[in-house]
Amino acid sequence: MMRQIGRCRAHTNIALIKYWGKRNNDLFLPMNSSLSLTLDAFYTDTSVTLDSNLEMDEFFLNGMKQDKDETKKISRFLDLFRQTANSDVHAKIESYNHVPTAAGLASSASAFAALAGAANTAWQLNLDKQTLSTYARRGSGSSTRSIYGGLVEWNMGEGDISESSYAIEIDDASWDIGMIVIAINKNKKKLSSRIGMKLTVDTSPFYPVWVTEAKNDLIAMKEAIKQKDFIKLGEITESNGMKMHATMLGATPPISYWEPDSVKAINKVKEIRNNGIPCYVTMDAGPNVKVLCRQSQMSDILDKLKESFTNDQLICSAVGEGIKQLTDTEWSY
């Protein structure tokens, strides 16, 4: 009987330059390069146990066995590792998500990055991080960035060449950067990112402009990071996120993930900024608002946000690290 185990932790990331739209849906190749900040507060722990006695893969999420459809998605992803390892062994997958699932908080990013890291160890493939990021991408585009910590660029790559689209860490973000998540609604969103993305690409007349703007924003963002210019970093972050949502509004039918409290949060952040504390909003495919700020000013911003939101709606995060293999002691489930 064969039994090999891999255990891995991966943190979520929030895109500062957004990824929105694929040029190849099967290979998860994006229309534009993107850049993100890995967050310490949200993560996924995943264990992959290879077991020659299993007749099919088994998938448990937060202790609950998942149905055939959910398991099939995971099996298809693990087939990438099986193929590389020339293996036909099935696996038991146990995943614990310390992120609200499908609510615009990048749970799929940490989930597939952790799964890729655990599978890499279980099958003893010793794939380097860059290669591993191309595997993670095949589960969820944004997971390619969760392989690394700090500020991470996902290179869009060339044509339909899967290996050319990968992530690299460009800065450890150790210059007083933090993020506050304002959780407007932690429930599963009604329209998935994948469907929203495809609809935008197919029907929004603004989409080609978005691709050009994202490219220009990325160049400006990398220069801001090089200069460690937090103000510029924040301004580009806020502008890029709003452009993405404007592109969605141009789709047929129009797409909006915003809720009334999302607008309330945006206005509150602008008020705080106008009163002298630099902080900037970004939003993904969901109603939750993320506030990019200096970590040293986080408590002051938090005090102001508490005037409009409850304590349990406000989650502070420092910068997160890249994927980490977990020891038996660290695996405490």
C-alpha atoms as a PDB file:
ATOM      1  CA  MET A   1       0.000   0.000   0.000  1.00  0.00           C
ATOM      2  CA  MET A   2       1.318   3.416  -1.000  1.00  0.00           C
ATOM      3  CA  ARG A   3       0.722   6.441   1.243  1.00  0.00           C
ATOM      4  CA  GLN A   4       2.453   9.770   0.703  1.00  0.00           C
ATOM      5  CA  ILE A   5       1.324  13.047   2.250  1.00  0.00           C
ATOM      6  CA  GLY A   6       1.825  16.684   1.307  1.00  0.00           C
ATOM      7  CA  ARG A   7       0.547  19.539   3.469  1.00  0.00           C
ATOM      8  CA  CYS A   8       0.666  23.172   2.501  1.00  0.00           C
ATOM      9  CA  ARG A   9      -0.558  26.621   3.545  1.00  0.00           C
ATOM     10  CA  ALA A  10      -1.212  29.424   1.058  1.00  0.00           C
ATOM     11  CA  HIS A  11      -2.481  32.936   1.694  1.00  0.00           C
ATOM     12  CA  THR A  12      -4.966  34.882  -0.375  1.00  0.00           C
ATOM     13  CA  ASN A  13      -3.940  37.832  -2.466  1.00  0.00           C
ATOM     14  CA  ILE A  14      -5.795  40.971  -3.476  1.00  0.00           C
ATOM     15  CA  ALA A  15      -5.055  42.343  -6.926  1.00  0.00           C
ATOM     16  CA  LEU A  16      -3.961  45.977  -7.028  1.00  0.00           C
ATOM     17  CA  ILE A  17      -3.765  45.795 -10.831  1.00  0.00           C
ATOM     18  CA  LYS A  18      -6.736  43.577 -11.677  1.00  0.00           C
ATOM     19  CA  TYR A  19      -6.979  40.419 -13.728  1.00  0.00           C
ATOM     20  CA  TRP A  20     -10.319  40.402 -15.538  1.00  0.00           C
ATOM     21  CA  GLY A  21     -10.752  38.276 -18.630  1.00  0.00           C
ATOM     22  CA  LYS A  22      -9.143  35.230 -20.207  1.00  0.00           C
ATOM     23  CA  ARG A  23      -7.774  34.820 -23.711  1.00  0.00           C
ATOM     24  CA  ASN A  24      -7.763  31.038 -23.257  1.00  0.00           C
ATOM     25  CA  ASN A  25     -10.456  29.622 -20.947  1.00  0.00           C
ATOM     26  CA  ASP A  26      -8.992  26.099 -20.778  1.00  0.00           C
ATOM     27  CA  LEU A  27      -5.479  27.173 -19.811  1.00  0.00           C
ATOM     28  CA  PHE A  28      -6.581  30.197 -17.725  1.00  0.00           C
ATOM     29  CA  LEU A  29      -4.394  32.545 -19.744  1.00  0.00           C
ATOM     30  CA  PRO A  30      -5.261  36.183 -18.963  1.00  0.00           C
ATOM     31  CA  MET A  31      -5.882  39.098 -21.310  1.00  0.00           C
ATOM     32  CA  ASN A  32      -3.560  41.293 -19.233  1.00  0.00           C
ATOM     33  CA  SER A  33      -0.772  40.994 -16.679  1.00  0.00           C
ATOM     34  CA  SER A  34      -1.712  41.812 -13.073  1.00  0.00           C
ATOM     35  CA  LEU A  35      -0.150  42.613  -9.707  1.00  0.00           C
ATOM     36  CA  SER A  36      -1.276  41.715  -6.204  1.00  0.00           C
ATOM     37  CA  LEU A  37      -0.577  41.967  -2.487  1.00  0.00           C
ATOM     38  CA  THR A  38      -0.531  38.708  -0.511  1.00  0.00           C
ATOM     39  CA  LEU A  39      -2.476  38.960   2.766  1.00  0.00           C
ATOM     40  CA  ASP A  40      -1.547  37.374   6.068  1.00  0.00           C
ATOM     41  CA  ALA A  41      -5.072  37.279   7.558  1.00  0.00           C
ATOM     42  CA  PHE A  42      -6.683  34.866   5.063  1.00  0.00           C
ATOM     43  CA  TYR A  43      -5.321  31.458   4.154  1.00  0.00           C
ATOM     44  CA  THR A  44      -6.058  27.859   3.215  1.00  0.00           C
ATOM     45  CA  ASP A  45      -4.434  24.741   4.694  1.00  0.00           C
ATOM     46  CA  THR A  46      -4.583  21.671   2.469  1.00  0.00           C
ATOM     47  CA  SER A  47      -3.464  18.075   2.832  1.00  0.00           C
ATOM     48  CA  VAL A  48      -3.086  15.657  -0.085  1.00  0.00           C
ATOM     49  CA  THR A  49      -2.717  11.993   0.908  1.00  0.00           C
ATOM     50  CA  LEU A  50      -1.898   9.577  -1.899  1.00  0.00           C
ATOM     51  CA  ASP A  51      -3.496   6.212  -1.159  1.00  0.00           C
ATOM     52  CA  SER A  52      -3.271   3.233  -3.530  1.00  0.00           C
ATOM     53  CA  ASN A  53      -6.334   1.711  -1.835  1.00  0.00           C
ATOM     54  CA  LEU A  54      -8.590   4.541  -3.033  1.00  0.00           C
ATOM     55  CA  GLU A  55     -10.652   3.884  -6.157  1.00  0.00           C
ATOM     56  CA  MET A  56     -11.311   7.601  -6.711  1.00  0.00           C
ATOM     57  CA  ASP A  57     -10.328  10.930  -5.206  1.00  0.00           C
ATOM     58  CA  GLU A  58     -12.067  12.062  -2.018  1.00  0.00           C
ATOM     59  CA  PHE A  59     -12.426  15.765  -1.249  1.00  0.00           C
ATOM     60  CA  PHE A  60     -13.231  17.197   2.181  1.00  0.00           C
ATOM     61  CA  LEU A  61     -13.714  20.958   2.647  1.00  0.00           C
ATOM     62  CA  ASN A  62     -13.750  22.229   6.232  1.00  0.00           C
ATOM     63  CA  GLY A  63     -14.400  18.660   7.407  1.00  0.00           C
ATOM     64  CA  MET A  64     -17.379  18.051   5.088  1.00  0.00           C
ATOM     65  CA  LYS A  65     -17.167  15.504   2.288  1.00  0.00           C
ATOM     66  CA  GLN A  66     -17.915  17.224  -1.037  1.00  0.00           C
ATOM     67  CA  ASP A  67     -20.229  15.962  -3.759  1.00  0.00           C
ATOM     68  CA  LYS A  68     -19.186  14.390  -7.067  1.00  0.00           C
ATOM     69  CA  ASP A  69     -19.220  17.660  -9.026  1.00  0.00           C
ATOM     70  CA  GLU A  70     -16.947  19.493  -6.590  1.00  0.00           C
ATOM     71  CA  THR A  71     -14.648  16.478  -6.333  1.00  0.00           C
ATOM     72  CA  LYS A  72     -14.478  16.204 -10.126  1.00  0.00           C
ATOM     73  CA  LYS A  73     -13.079  19.759 -10.352  1.00  0.00           C
ATOM     74  CA  ILE A  74     -10.347  18.902  -7.864  1.00  0.00           C
ATOM     75  CA  SER A  75      -9.594  15.593  -9.615  1.00  0.00           C
ATOM     76  CA  ARG A  76      -9.144  17.354 -12.954  1.00  0.00           C
ATOM     77  CA  PHE A  77      -6.668  19.717 -11.316  1.00  0.00           C
ATOM     78  CA  LEU A  78      -4.747  16.865  -9.645  1.00  0.00           C
ATOM     79  CA  ASP A  79      -4.544  15.099 -13.011  1.00  0.00           C
ATOM     80  CA  LEU A  80      -1.914  17.710 -13.968  1.00  0.00           C
ATOM     81  CA  PHE A  81       0.317  16.401 -11.173  1.00  0.00           C
ATOM     82  CA  ARG A  82      -0.525  12.761 -11.855  1.00  0.00           C
ATOM     83  CA  GLN A  83       0.446  13.230 -15.490  1.00  0.00           C
ATOM     84  CA  THR A  84       3.788  14.841 -14.582  1.00  0.00           C
ATOM     85  CA  ALA A  85       4.502  12.115 -12.008  1.00  0.00           C
ATOM     86  CA  ASN A  86       3.344   9.360 -14.405  1.00  0.00           C
ATOM     87  CA  SER A  87       1.064   8.173 -11.591  1.00  0.00           C
ATOM     88  CA  ASP A  88      -2.475   6.835 -11.445  1.00  0.00           C
ATOM     89  CA  VAL A  89      -2.792   6.924  -7.647  1.00  0.00           C
ATOM     90  CA  HIS A  90      -5.878   8.610  -6.180  1.00  0.00           C
ATOM     91  CA  ALA A  91      -5.820  11.012  -3.265  1.00  0.00           C
ATOM     92  CA  LYS A  92      -7.712  12.117  -0.201  1.00  0.00           C
ATOM     93  CA  ILE A  93      -7.819  15.910  -0.151  1.00  0.00           C
ATOM     94  CA  GLU A  94      -8.567  17.758   3.085  1.00  0.00           C
ATOM     95  CA  SER A  95      -8.837  21.522   2.802  1.00  0.00           C
ATOM     96  CA  TYR A  96      -9.552  24.076   5.516  1.00  0.00           C
ATOM     97  CA  ASN A  97     -10.445  27.537   4.248  1.00  0.00           C
ATOM     98  CA  HIS A  98      -9.817  30.430   6.621  1.00  0.00           C
ATOM     99  CA  VAL A  99     -11.516  32.738   4.117  1.00  0.00           C
ATOM    100  CA  PRO A 100     -15.227  33.272   3.427  1.00  0.00           C
ATOM    101  CA  THR A 101     -15.763  31.247   0.224  1.00  0.00           C
ATOM    102  CA  ALA A 102     -16.849  32.911  -3.050  1.00  0.00           C
ATOM    103  CA  ALA A 103     -17.563  36.331  -1.490  1.00  0.00           C
ATOM    104  CA  GLY A 104     -14.939  38.315  -3.363  1.00  0.00           C
ATOM    105  CA  LEU A 105     -12.173  37.633  -0.852  1.00  0.00           C
ATOM    106  CA  ALA A 106     -10.016  35.504  -3.157  1.00  0.00           C
ATOM    107  CA  SER A 107     -10.702  32.135  -1.498  1.00  0.00           C
ATOM    108  CA  SER A 108     -10.003  30.264  -4.744  1.00  0.00           C
ATOM    109  CA  ALA A 109      -6.546  31.865  -4.923  1.00  0.00           C
ATOM    110  CA  SER A 110      -5.366  30.431  -1.613  1.00  0.00           C
ATOM    111  CA  ALA A 111      -7.291  27.179  -2.168  1.00  0.00           C
ATOM    112  CA  PHE A 112      -5.613  26.173  -5.425  1.00  0.00           C
ATOM    113  CA  ALA A 113      -2.186  27.499  -4.424  1.00  0.00           C
ATOM    114  CA  ALA A 114      -2.319  25.347  -1.254  1.00  0.00           C
ATOM    115  CA  LEU A 115      -3.590  22.364  -3.252  1.00  0.00           C
ATOM    116  CA  ALA A 116      -0.779  22.781  -5.800  1.00  0.00           C
ATOM    117  CA  GLY A 117       1.835  23.019  -3.037  1.00  0.00           C
ATOM    118  CA  ALA A 118       0.505  19.935  -1.240  1.00  0.00           C
ATOM    119  CA  ALA A 119       0.262  17.922  -4.489  1.00  0.00           C
ATOM    120  CA  ASN A 120       3.811  18.893  -5.438  1.00  0.00           C
ATOM    121  CA  THR A 121       5.054  17.461  -2.138  1.00  0.00           C
ATOM    122  CA  ALA A 122       2.808  14.371  -2.143  1.00  0.00           C
ATOM    123  CA  TRP A 123       3.965  13.305  -5.622  1.00  0.00           C
ATOM    124  CA  GLN A 124       7.559  14.371  -4.790  1.00  0.00           C
ATOM    125  CA  LEU A 125       7.830  16.416  -7.986  1.00  0.00           C
ATOM    126  CA  ASN A 126      10.079  19.173  -6.582  1.00  0.00           C
ATOM    127  CA  LEU A 127       8.649  21.745  -8.992  1.00  0.00           C
ATOM    128  CA  ASP A 128      10.129  25.212  -8.486  1.00  0.00           C
ATOM    129  CA  LYS A 129       7.804  28.061  -7.522  1.00  0.00           C
ATOM    130  CA  GLN A 130       7.628  29.585 -10.983  1.00  0.00           C
ATOM    131  CA  THR A 131       6.611  26.255 -12.544  1.00  0.00           C
ATOM    132  CA  LEU A 132       4.237  25.558  -9.668  1.00  0.00           C
ATOM    133  CA  SER A 133       2.536  28.911 -10.310  1.00  0.00           C
ATOM    134  CA  THR A 134       1.696  27.734 -13.864  1.00  0.00           C
ATOM    135  CA  TYR A 135       0.047  24.629 -12.379  1.00  0.00           C
ATOM    136  CA  ALA A 136      -1.872  26.622  -9.727  1.00  0.00           C
ATOM    137  CA  ARG A 137      -3.138  28.947 -12.480  1.00  0.00           C
ATOM    138  CA  ARG A 138      -5.018  26.025 -14.058  1.00  0.00           C
ATOM    139  CA  GLY A 139      -7.251  25.820 -10.965  1.00  0.00           C
ATOM    140  CA  SER A 140      -7.844  29.549 -10.490  1.00  0.00           C
ATOM    141  CA  GLY A 141      -6.104  32.355 -12.333  1.00  0.00           C
ATOM    142  CA  SER A 142      -5.384  34.446  -9.247  1.00  0.00           C
ATOM    143  CA  SER A 143      -3.922  31.446  -7.388  1.00  0.00           C
ATOM    144  CA  THR A 144      -0.795  31.755  -9.533  1.00  0.00           C
ATOM    145  CA  ARG A 145       0.027  34.856  -7.440  1.00  0.00           C
ATOM    146  CA  SER A 146      -0.629  33.167  -4.058  1.00  0.00           C
ATOM    147  CA  ILE A 147       2.465  30.990  -4.517  1.00  0.00           C
ATOM    148  CA  TYR A 148       4.473  34.032  -3.426  1.00  0.00           C
ATOM    149  CA  GLY A 149       4.373  36.597  -0.620  1.00  0.00           C
ATOM    150  CA  GLY A 150       4.509  40.391  -0.805  1.00  0.00           C
ATOM    151  CA  LEU A 151       3.834  42.187  -4.076  1.00  0.00           C
ATOM    152  CA  VAL A 152       3.525  39.700  -6.923  1.00  0.00           C
ATOM    153  CA  GLU A 153       3.247  40.119 -10.685  1.00  0.00           C
ATOM    154  CA  TRP A 154       1.395  37.598 -12.844  1.00  0.00           C
ATOM    155  CA  ASN A 155       2.940  37.772 -16.297  1.00  0.00           C
ATOM    156  CA  MET A 156       0.230  37.242 -18.939  1.00  0.00           C
ATOM    157  CA  GLY A 157       2.632  35.290 -21.181  1.00  0.00           C
ATOM    158  CA  GLU A 158       2.518  34.819 -24.929  1.00  0.00           C
ATOM    159  CA  GLY A 159      -0.177  33.333 -27.161  1.00  0.00           C
ATOM    160  CA  ASP A 160      -1.442  29.964 -25.966  1.00  0.00           C
ATOM    161  CA  ILE A 161       1.838  28.866 -24.365  1.00  0.00           C
ATOM    162  CA  SER A 162       0.876  27.749 -20.859  1.00  0.00           C
ATOM    163  CA  GLU A 163       4.427  27.821 -19.458  1.00  0.00           C
ATOM    164  CA  SER A 164       4.888  31.479 -20.435  1.00  0.00           C
ATOM    165  CA  SER A 165       2.208  32.743 -18.030  1.00  0.00           C
ATOM    166  CA  TYR A 166       3.526  32.629 -14.468  1.00  0.00           C
ATOM    167  CA  ALA A 167       3.933  34.702 -11.306  1.00  0.00           C
ATOM    168  CA  ILE A 168       7.048  36.253  -9.766  1.00  0.00           C
ATOM    169  CA  GLU A 169       7.567  38.099  -6.491  1.00  0.00           C
ATOM    170  CA  ILE A 170       8.706  41.620  -7.273  1.00  0.00           C
ATOM    171  CA  ASP A 171       8.900  43.164  -3.784  1.00  0.00           C
ATOM    172  CA  ASP A 172       8.504  41.908  -0.210  1.00  0.00           C
ATOM    173  CA  ALA A 173       6.231  44.897   0.614  1.00  0.00           C
ATOM    174  CA  SER A 174       8.031  45.440   3.918  1.00  0.00           C
ATOM    175  CA  TRP A 175       7.682  49.239   3.673  1.00  0.00           C
ATOM    176  CA  ASP A 176       4.720  49.825   5.982  1.00  0.00           C
ATOM    177  CA  ILE A 177       1.893  48.376   3.875  1.00  0.00           C
ATOM    178  CA  GLY A 178      -1.329  46.860   5.208  1.00  0.00           C
ATOM    179  CA  MET A 179      -4.906  46.236   4.186  1.00  0.00           C
ATOM    180  CA  ILE A 180      -8.266  46.442   5.935  1.00  0.00           C
ATOM    181  CA  VAL A 181     -11.100  44.350   4.551  1.00  0.00           C
ATOM    182  CA  ILE A 182     -14.587  45.777   5.053  1.00  0.00           C
ATOM    183  CA  ALA A 183     -16.794  42.689   4.865  1.00  0.00           C
ATOM    184  CA  ILE A 184     -20.072  43.986   3.471  1.00  0.00           C
ATOM    185  CA  ASN A 185     -21.480  40.543   2.720  1.00  0.00           C
ATOM    186  CA  LYS A 186     -19.700  37.234   3.374  1.00  0.00           C
ATOM    187  CA  ASN A 187     -22.301  35.132   1.554  1.00  0.00           C
ATOM    188  CA  LYS A 188     -21.628  33.378  -1.735  1.00  0.00           C
ATOM    189  CA  LYS A 189     -22.087  35.826  -4.599  1.00  0.00           C
ATOM    190  CA  LYS A 190     -24.899  35.288  -7.089  1.00  0.00           C
ATOM    191  CA  LEU A 191     -22.732  35.657 -10.201  1.00  0.00           C
ATOM    192  CA  SER A 192     -19.394  33.831 -10.179  1.00  0.00           C
ATOM    193  CA  SER A 193     -16.213  35.591 -11.283  1.00  0.00           C
ATOM    194  CA  ARG A 194     -15.819  33.186 -14.190  1.00  0.00           C
ATOM    195  CA  ILE A 195     -19.265  33.950 -15.616  1.00  0.00           C
ATOM    196  CA  GLY A 196     -18.947  37.692 -14.942  1.00  0.00           C
ATOM    197  CA  MET A 197     -15.532  37.757 -16.571  1.00  0.00           C
ATOM    198  CA  LYS A 198     -16.659  35.983 -19.746  1.00  0.00           C
ATOM    199  CA  LEU A 199     -19.746  38.183 -20.070  1.00  0.00           C
ATOM    200  CA  THR A 200     -17.606  41.320 -19.774  1.00  0.00           C
ATOM    201  CA  VAL A 201     -15.077  40.126 -22.372  1.00  0.00           C
ATOM    202  CA  ASP A 202     -17.840  39.071 -24.787  1.00  0.00           C
ATOM    203  CA  THR A 203     -20.198  42.046 -24.497  1.00  0.00           C
ATOM    204  CA  SER A 204     -18.619  45.181 -22.976  1.00  0.00           C
ATOM    205  CA  PRO A 205     -17.577  47.755 -25.605  1.00  0.00           C
ATOM    206  CA  PHE A 206     -15.161  49.178 -22.996  1.00  0.00           C
ATOM    207  CA  TYR A 207     -13.214  45.922 -22.676  1.00  0.00           C
ATOM    208  CA  PRO A 208     -10.451  46.614 -25.249  1.00  0.00           C
ATOM    209  CA  VAL A 209      -9.753  49.938 -23.509  1.00  0.00           C
ATOM    210  CA  TRP A 210      -9.537  48.100 -20.166  1.00  0.00           C
ATOM    211  CA  VAL A 211      -6.747  45.858 -21.506  1.00  0.00           C
ATOM    212  CA  THR A 212      -4.732  48.890 -22.674  1.00  0.00           C
ATOM    213  CA  GLU A 213      -5.317  50.766 -19.408  1.00  0.00           C
ATOM    214  CA  ALA A 214      -4.325  47.758 -17.285  1.00  0.00           C
ATOM    215  CA  LYS A 215      -1.053  47.488 -19.200  1.00  0.00           C
ATOM    216  CA  ASN A 216      -0.275  51.184 -18.631  1.00  0.00           C
ATOM    217  CA  ASP A 217      -1.303  50.980 -14.958  1.00  0.00           C
ATOM    218  CA  LEU A 218       1.041  48.037 -14.395  1.00  0.00           C
ATOM    219  CA  ILE A 219       4.021  49.963 -15.786  1.00  0.00           C
ATOM    220  CA  ALA A 220       3.202  52.941 -13.527  1.00  0.00           C
ATOM    221  CA  MET A 221       2.624  50.654 -10.525  1.00  0.00           C
ATOM    222  CA  LYS A 222       5.979  48.907 -10.885  1.00  0.00           C
ATOM    223  CA  GLU A 223       7.693  52.290 -10.989  1.00  0.00           C
ATOM    224  CA  ALA A 224       5.835  53.340  -7.800  1.00  0.00           C
ATOM    225  CA  ILE A 225       6.967  50.115  -6.099  1.00  0.00           C
ATOM    226  CA  LYS A 226      10.553  50.699  -7.215  1.00  0.00           C
ATOM    227  CA  GLN A 227      10.394  54.185  -5.654  1.00  0.00           C
ATOM    228  CA  LYS A 228       8.496  52.834  -2.607  1.00  0.00           C
ATOM    229  CA  ASP A 229       5.947  55.589  -3.260  1.00  0.00           C
ATOM    230  CA  PHE A 230       2.906  54.568  -1.208  1.00  0.00           C
ATOM    231  CA  ILE A 231       0.712  57.468  -2.384  1.00  0.00           C
ATOM    232  CA  LYS A 232       1.248  56.585  -6.032  1.00  0.00           C
ATOM    233  CA  LEU A 233       0.723  52.889  -5.248  1.00  0.00           C
ATOM    234  CA  GLY A 234      -2.636  53.717  -3.663  1.00  0.00           C
ATOM    235  CA  GLU A 235      -3.798  56.090  -6.375  1.00  0.00           C
ATOM    236  CA  ILE A 236      -3.115  53.571  -9.152  1.00  0.00           C
ATOM    237  CA  THR A 237      -4.758  50.782  -7.117  1.00  0.00           C
ATOM    238  CA  GLU A 238      -7.976  52.746  -6.644  1.00  0.00           C
ATOM    239  CA  SER A 239      -8.111  53.966 -10.236  1.00  0.00           C
ATOM    240  CA  ASN A 240      -7.483  50.513 -11.722  1.00  0.00           C
ATOM    241  CA  GLY A 241     -10.162  48.832  -9.614  1.00  0.00           C
ATOM    242  CA  MET A 242     -12.761  51.429 -10.574  1.00  0.00           C
ATOM    243  CA  LYS A 243     -11.909  51.028 -14.267  1.00  0.00           C
ATOM    244  CA  MET A 244     -12.508  47.284 -14.004  1.00  0.00           C
ATOM    245  CA  HIS A 245     -15.940  47.801 -12.441  1.00  0.00           C
ATOM    246  CA  ALA A 246     -16.789  50.448 -15.061  1.00  0.00           C
ATOM    247  CA  THR A 247     -15.962  47.885 -17.769  1.00  0.00           C
ATOM    248  CA  MET A 248     -18.375  45.420 -16.120  1.00  0.00           C
ATOM    249  CA  LEU A 249     -21.139  48.024 -16.095  1.00  0.00           C
ATOM    250  CA  GLY A 250     -20.748  48.203 -19.852  1.00  0.00           C
ATOM    251  CA  ALA A 251     -21.574  44.494 -20.268  1.00  0.00           C
ATOM    252  CA  THR A 252     -24.938  43.239 -21.549  1.00  0.00           C
ATOM    253  CA  PRO A 253     -26.686  42.821 -19.186  1.00  0.00           C
ATOM    254  CA  PRO A 254     -24.712  45.221 -16.939  1.00  0.00           C
ATOM    255  CA  ILE A 255     -22.792  43.582 -14.079  1.00  0.00           C
ATOM    256  CA  SER A 256     -22.513  45.129 -10.650  1.00  0.00           C
ATOM    257  CA  TYR A 257     -21.237  43.349  -7.551  1.00  0.00           C
ATOM    258  CA  TRP A 258     -21.731  46.473  -5.435  1.00  0.00           C
ATOM    259  CA  GLU A 259     -24.238  46.793  -2.609  1.00  0.00           C
ATOM    260  CA  PRO A 260     -25.401  50.039  -0.915  1.00  0.00           C
ATOM    261  CA  ASP A 261     -22.910  49.475   1.918  1.00  0.00           C
ATOM    262  CA  SER A 262     -20.093  49.127  -0.641  1.00  0.00           C
ATOM    263  CA  VAL A 263     -20.758  52.737  -1.686  1.00  0.00           C
ATOM    264  CA  LYS A 264     -20.990  53.755   1.962  1.00  0.00           C
ATOM    265  CA  ALA A 265     -17.546  52.198   2.584  1.00  0.00           C
ATOM    266  CA  ILE A 266     -15.973  53.900  -0.442  1.00  0.00           C
ATOM    267  CA  ASN A 267     -17.296  57.281   0.666  1.00  0.00           C
ATOM    268  CA  LYS A 268     -16.046  56.716   4.219  1.00  0.00           C
ATOM    269  CA  VAL A 269     -12.531  55.905   2.980  1.00  0.00           C
ATOM    270  CA  LYS A 270     -12.530  59.057   0.837  1.00  0.00           C
ATOM    271  CA  GLU A 271     -13.594  61.060   3.895  1.00  0.00           C
ATOM    272  CA  ILE A 272     -10.712  59.590   5.941  1.00  0.00           C
ATOM    273  CA  ARG A 273      -8.291  60.384   3.109  1.00  0.00           C
ATOM    274  CA  ASN A 274      -9.578  63.944   2.788  1.00  0.00           C
ATOM    275  CA  ASN A 275      -8.880  64.336   6.503  1.00  0.00           C
ATOM    276  CA  GLY A 276      -5.192  63.594   6.011  1.00  0.00           C
ATOM    277  CA  ILE A 277      -4.686  59.808   6.233  1.00  0.00           C
ATOM    278  CA  PRO A 278      -3.721  58.245   2.891  1.00  0.00           C
ATOM    279  CA  CYS A 279      -5.896  55.171   2.230  1.00  0.00           C
ATOM    280  CA  TYR A 280      -7.342  53.788  -0.979  1.00  0.00           C
ATOM    281  CA  VAL A 281     -10.109  51.387  -1.967  1.00  0.00           C
ATOM    282  CA  THR A 282     -10.152  48.423  -4.275  1.00  0.00           C
ATOM    283  CA  MET A 283     -12.892  45.876  -4.975  1.00  0.00           C
ATOM    284  CA  ASP A 284     -12.962  42.527  -6.707  1.00  0.00           C
ATOM    285  CA  ALA A 285     -15.939  40.520  -7.975  1.00  0.00           C
ATOM    286  CA  GLY A 286     -17.978  40.906  -4.793  1.00  0.00           C
ATOM    287  CA  PRO A 287     -19.391  43.643  -2.560  1.00  0.00           C
ATOM    288  CA  ASN A 288     -16.528  43.701  -0.033  1.00  0.00           C
ATOM    289  CA  VAL A 289     -14.256  46.732   0.036  1.00  0.00           C
ATOM    290  CA  LYS A 290     -10.517  46.464   0.625  1.00  0.00           C
ATOM    291  CA  VAL A 291      -8.614  49.443   1.977  1.00  0.00           C
ATOM    292  CA  LEU A 292      -4.928  49.746   1.097  1.00  0.00           C
ATOM    293  CA  CYS A 293      -3.166  51.715   3.818  1.00  0.00           C
ATOM    294  CA  ARG A 294       0.030  52.152   5.765  1.00  0.00           C
ATOM    295  CA  GLN A 295       0.194  49.502   8.457  1.00  0.00           C
ATOM    296  CA  SER A 296       1.340  52.126  10.978  1.00  0.00           C
ATOM    297  CA  GLN A 297      -1.916  54.073  10.412  1.00  0.00           C
ATOM    298  CA  MET A 298      -4.225  51.071  10.439  1.00  0.00           C
ATOM    299  CA  SER A 299      -5.569  51.601  13.964  1.00  0.00           C
ATOM    300  CA  ASP A 300      -6.444  55.263  13.241  1.00  0.00           C
ATOM    301  CA  ILE A 301      -8.301  54.242  10.067  1.00  0.00           C
ATOM    302  CA  LEU A 302     -10.017  51.439  11.965  1.00  0.00           C
ATOM    303  CA  ASP A 303     -11.315  53.885  14.577  1.00  0.00           C
ATOM    304  CA  LYS A 304     -12.871  55.992  11.813  1.00  0.00           C
ATOM    305  CA  LEU A 305     -14.382  52.966  10.045  1.00  0.00           C
ATOM    306  CA  LYS A 306     -15.969  51.805  13.302  1.00  0.00           C
ATOM    307  CA  GLU A 307     -18.196  54.892  13.117  1.00  0.00           C
ATOM    308  CA  SER A 308     -19.962  53.222  10.162  1.00  0.00           C
ATOM    309  CA  PHE A 309     -19.263  49.480  10.440  1.00  0.00           C
ATOM    310  CA  THR A 310     -19.293  46.826  13.170  1.00  0.00           C
ATOM    311  CA  ASN A 311     -16.141  45.263  14.600  1.00  0.00           C
ATOM    312  CA  ASP A 312     -16.801  41.906  12.962  1.00  0.00           C
ATOM    313  CA  GLN A 313     -17.033  43.573   9.539  1.00  0.00           C
ATOM    314  CA  LEU A 314     -13.500  44.960   9.800  1.00  0.00           C
ATOM    315  CA  ILE A 315     -10.526  42.647   9.319  1.00  0.00           C
ATOM    316  CA  CYS A 316      -6.953  43.940   9.397  1.00  0.00           C
ATOM    317  CA  SER A 317      -4.166  42.215   7.552  1.00  0.00           C
ATOM    318  CA  ALA A 318      -0.428  42.543   7.322  1.00  0.00           C
ATOM    319  CA  VAL A 319       1.501  41.357   4.275  1.00  0.00           C
ATOM    320  CA  GLY A 320       1.390  37.584   3.792  1.00  0.00           C
ATOM    321  CA  GLU A 321       4.158  35.150   2.916  1.00  0.00           C
ATOM    322  CA  GLY A 322       4.362  32.634   0.098  1.00  0.00           C
ATOM    323  CA  ILE A 323       3.315  28.982   0.278  1.00  0.00           C
ATOM    324  CA  LYS A 324       4.658  26.992   3.199  1.00  0.00           C
ATOM    325  CA  GLN A 325       4.895  23.250   3.727  1.00  0.00           C
ATOM    326  CA  LEU A 326       3.268  22.270   7.035  1.00  0.00           C
ATOM    327  CA  THR A 327       4.762  19.792   9.480  1.00  0.00           C
ATOM    328  CA  ASP A 328       2.669  17.221  11.367  1.00  0.00           C
ATOM    329  CA  THR A 329       2.740  19.527  14.397  1.00  0.00           C
ATOM    330  CA  GLU A 330       1.553  22.540  12.377  1.00  0.00           C
ATOM    331  CA  TRP A 331      -1.286  20.479  10.880  1.00  0.00           C
ATOM    332  CA  SER A 332      -3.647  20.679  13.831  1.00  0.00           C
ATOM    333  CA  TYR A 333      -6.977  19.635  12.297  1.00  0.00           C
END
